[in-house]
Every structure is written in C-alpha cells, then in structure tokens.
Amino acid sequence: MPDMTTSTGSHMTAQLLDGTATAAAIRADLRSRVPTLAERTAGLTPRPTASEVN
C-alpha cells in the first residue's frame, strides 16, 4: 500500500463521513428553500422536453 503523504510531506488522515447526518442537513436546507421556490414559480408549468413529446 502506498504511503499517503501530502506535497509538504506530512501524513494525511482519513475522515469518516456520516451519510445520515449529511442527508439530514441537505433535507433541512431544502425544507427551508422549497417554499420560496414554490412561491416564485406558482402557476408555471415546465415545457416537455423533446424526448417526452415523442
């Protein structure tokens, strides 16, 4: 296994990611942003793409 060092020669350590906490943070962010987007786009309907028409 190769030695994992940075360009300055110091060793890098692994950082564990918490997928559950990340997903919760993303959902909380979207929960606060979606109502604003819904207000801005009220009554608008997206046009179908070419692949959806054919």
Protein backbone atom coordinates (compact mmCIF):
# COMPACT_ATOMS: atom_id res chain seq x y z
CA MET A 1 0.00 0.00 0.00
CA PRO A 2 1.45 3.41 -0.94
CA ASP A 3 2.44 5.91 1.72
CA MET A 4 -0.24 8.65 1.80
CA THR A 5 1.58 11.93 2.23
CA THR A 6 0.80 15.48 1.14
CA SER A 7 3.02 17.59 -1.10
CA THR A 8 4.61 19.02 2.05
CA GLY A 9 5.46 15.53 3.29
CA SER A 10 3.01 15.43 6.19
CA HIS A 11 0.77 12.41 6.58
CA MET A 12 -2.92 12.58 5.72
CA THR A 13 -5.52 11.03 7.96
CA ALA A 14 -8.81 9.57 6.82
CA GLN A 15 -12.02 11.38 7.70
CA LEU A 16 -15.14 9.31 8.24
CA LEU A 17 -18.24 10.71 6.61
CA ASP A 18 -21.63 10.43 8.27
CA GLY A 19 -24.05 9.93 5.38
CA THR A 20 -27.10 10.07 7.63
CA ALA A 21 -26.10 13.44 9.08
CA THR A 22 -25.21 14.78 5.64
CA ALA A 23 -28.58 13.71 4.23
CA ALA A 24 -30.37 15.31 7.19
CA ALA A 25 -28.51 18.58 6.64
CA ILE A 26 -29.39 18.58 2.94
CA ARG A 27 -33.06 17.87 3.70
CA ALA A 28 -33.15 20.68 6.28
CA ASP A 29 -31.64 23.10 3.76
CA LEU A 30 -34.14 22.10 1.09
CA ARG A 31 -37.03 22.28 3.55
CA SER A 32 -36.27 25.96 4.05
CA ARG A 33 -35.70 26.73 0.35
CA VAL A 34 -38.56 24.86 -1.36
CA PRO A 35 -41.41 27.13 -0.14
CA THR A 36 -39.64 30.20 -1.57
CA LEU A 37 -39.12 28.45 -4.89
CA ALA A 38 -42.76 27.32 -4.92
CA GLU A 39 -43.89 30.94 -4.43
CA ARG A 40 -41.62 32.21 -7.20
CA THR A 41 -42.84 29.59 -9.67
CA ALA A 42 -46.53 29.48 -8.72
CA GLY A 43 -48.65 28.78 -11.79
CA LEU A 44 -45.68 27.91 -14.01
CA THR A 45 -45.60 24.57 -15.78
CA PRO A 46 -42.39 23.26 -17.31
CA ARG A 47 -42.41 22.60 -21.05
CA PRO A 48 -41.89 18.96 -22.02
CA THR A 49 -38.52 18.05 -23.49
CA ALA A 50 -38.25 16.59 -27.00
CA SER A 51 -37.85 13.08 -25.57
CA GLU A 52 -41.04 13.48 -23.55
CA VAL A 53 -43.05 14.60 -26.59
CA ASN A 54 -42.03 11.72 -28.88
